[in-house]
Amino acid sequence: NVDVGFYTSWIHGKFMFNNATLEEIFKQVVRWYDVDILFASEDLKKIRFTGSITRHKSIDALLRLIEITSPINITLNGDRYVINSK
């Protein structure tokens, strides 16, 4: 069975991630918010995340949700978000 709601959540204004890698998630974040992201190491890209948030939240709210529930820190360095290990 396929969870259609998961694949159409963007229509209803939600970002949903189900065991997605941070690399996959941040590719979408770059497109949605037109920001630049830098991973401090390649290993960080492989970390998996599951969660959802309304698309009407700010990028900071989305990043804080990911940061709180993952073993990473996200900092803003100039105009680029940098992903580091905790």
Protein backbone atom coordinates (compact mmCIF):
# COMPACT_ATOMS: atom_id res chain seq x y z
CA ASN A 1 0.00 0.00 0.00
CA VAL A 2 1.16 3.50 -0.80
CA ASP A 3 0.60 6.42 1.57
CA VAL A 4 -0.78 8.92 -0.95
CA GLY A 5 -1.01 11.59 1.75
CA PHE A 6 2.74 11.49 2.16
CA TYR A 7 3.34 12.17 -1.53
CA THR A 8 0.69 14.88 -1.84
CA SER A 9 1.32 16.65 1.48
CA TRP A 10 2.92 19.63 -0.30
CA ILE A 11 -0.47 20.38 -1.87
CA HIS A 12 -1.86 20.85 1.63
CA GLY A 13 1.01 23.08 2.73
CA LYS A 14 3.07 20.49 4.60
CA PHE A 15 6.61 19.26 4.34
CA MET A 16 6.76 15.57 5.22
CA PHE A 17 9.88 13.45 5.42
CA ASN A 18 9.85 9.71 6.00
CA ASN A 19 13.31 8.29 6.65
CA ALA A 20 14.79 10.79 4.18
CA THR A 21 18.49 11.60 4.17
CA LEU A 22 19.51 15.10 5.16
CA GLU A 23 20.92 15.47 1.67
CA GLU A 24 17.46 14.79 0.18
CA ILE A 25 15.78 17.13 2.66
CA PHE A 26 18.19 19.99 2.14
CA LYS A 27 17.91 19.74 -1.65
CA GLN A 28 14.23 20.58 -1.15
CA VAL A 29 15.01 23.30 1.43
CA VAL A 30 17.35 24.98 -1.06
CA ARG A 31 14.57 25.03 -3.69
CA TRP A 32 11.74 26.06 -1.32
CA TYR A 33 13.57 28.85 0.47
CA ASP A 34 16.23 29.84 -2.10
CA VAL A 35 19.10 29.46 0.38
CA ASP A 36 22.61 28.03 0.26
CA ILE A 37 23.51 25.00 2.40
CA LEU A 38 26.96 23.60 3.19
CA PHE A 39 27.57 20.25 4.87
CA ALA A 40 30.73 20.23 7.02
CA SER A 41 31.26 16.55 6.10
CA GLU A 42 29.87 14.05 3.62
CA ASP A 43 28.76 11.71 6.44
CA LEU A 44 26.19 14.27 7.60
CA LYS A 45 24.35 13.94 4.29
CA LYS A 46 23.53 10.31 5.11
CA ILE A 47 21.73 10.99 8.41
CA ARG A 48 18.05 10.03 8.16
CA PHE A 49 15.10 12.10 9.36
CA THR A 50 11.38 11.56 9.73
CA GLY A 51 9.00 14.40 10.52
CA SER A 52 6.59 17.00 9.21
CA ILE A 53 6.00 20.72 9.51
CA THR A 54 3.60 23.17 7.92
CA ARG A 55 5.09 24.89 4.90
CA HIS A 56 3.94 28.27 6.21
CA LYS A 57 6.60 28.18 8.94
CA SER A 58 9.82 30.10 8.44
CA ILE A 59 13.00 28.40 7.35
CA ASP A 60 14.31 28.93 10.88
CA ALA A 61 11.41 26.91 12.32
CA LEU A 62 12.05 24.08 9.88
CA LEU A 63 15.80 24.06 10.56
CA ARG A 64 15.27 24.13 14.34
CA LEU A 65 12.92 21.14 14.10
CA ILE A 66 15.54 19.19 12.18
CA GLU A 67 18.31 20.34 14.50
CA ILE A 68 16.43 19.42 17.70
CA THR A 69 15.60 15.93 16.48
CA SER A 70 18.89 15.11 14.72
CA PRO A 71 22.54 14.90 15.79
CA ILE A 72 23.41 18.13 13.97
CA ASN A 73 23.87 21.84 14.55
CA ILE A 74 22.82 24.36 11.93
CA THR A 75 24.40 27.80 11.91
CA LEU A 76 24.03 30.78 9.62
CA ASN A 77 27.40 31.93 8.32
CA GLY A 78 26.89 35.03 6.21
CA ASP A 79 24.22 33.99 3.71
CA ARG A 80 24.88 30.24 3.98
CA TYR A 81 23.53 27.66 6.43
CA VAL A 82 26.26 25.31 7.65
CA ILE A 83 25.43 21.78 8.85
CA ASN A 84 27.80 20.40 11.52
CA SER A 85 27.80 17.46 13.94
CA LYS A 86 26.72 18.12 17.53
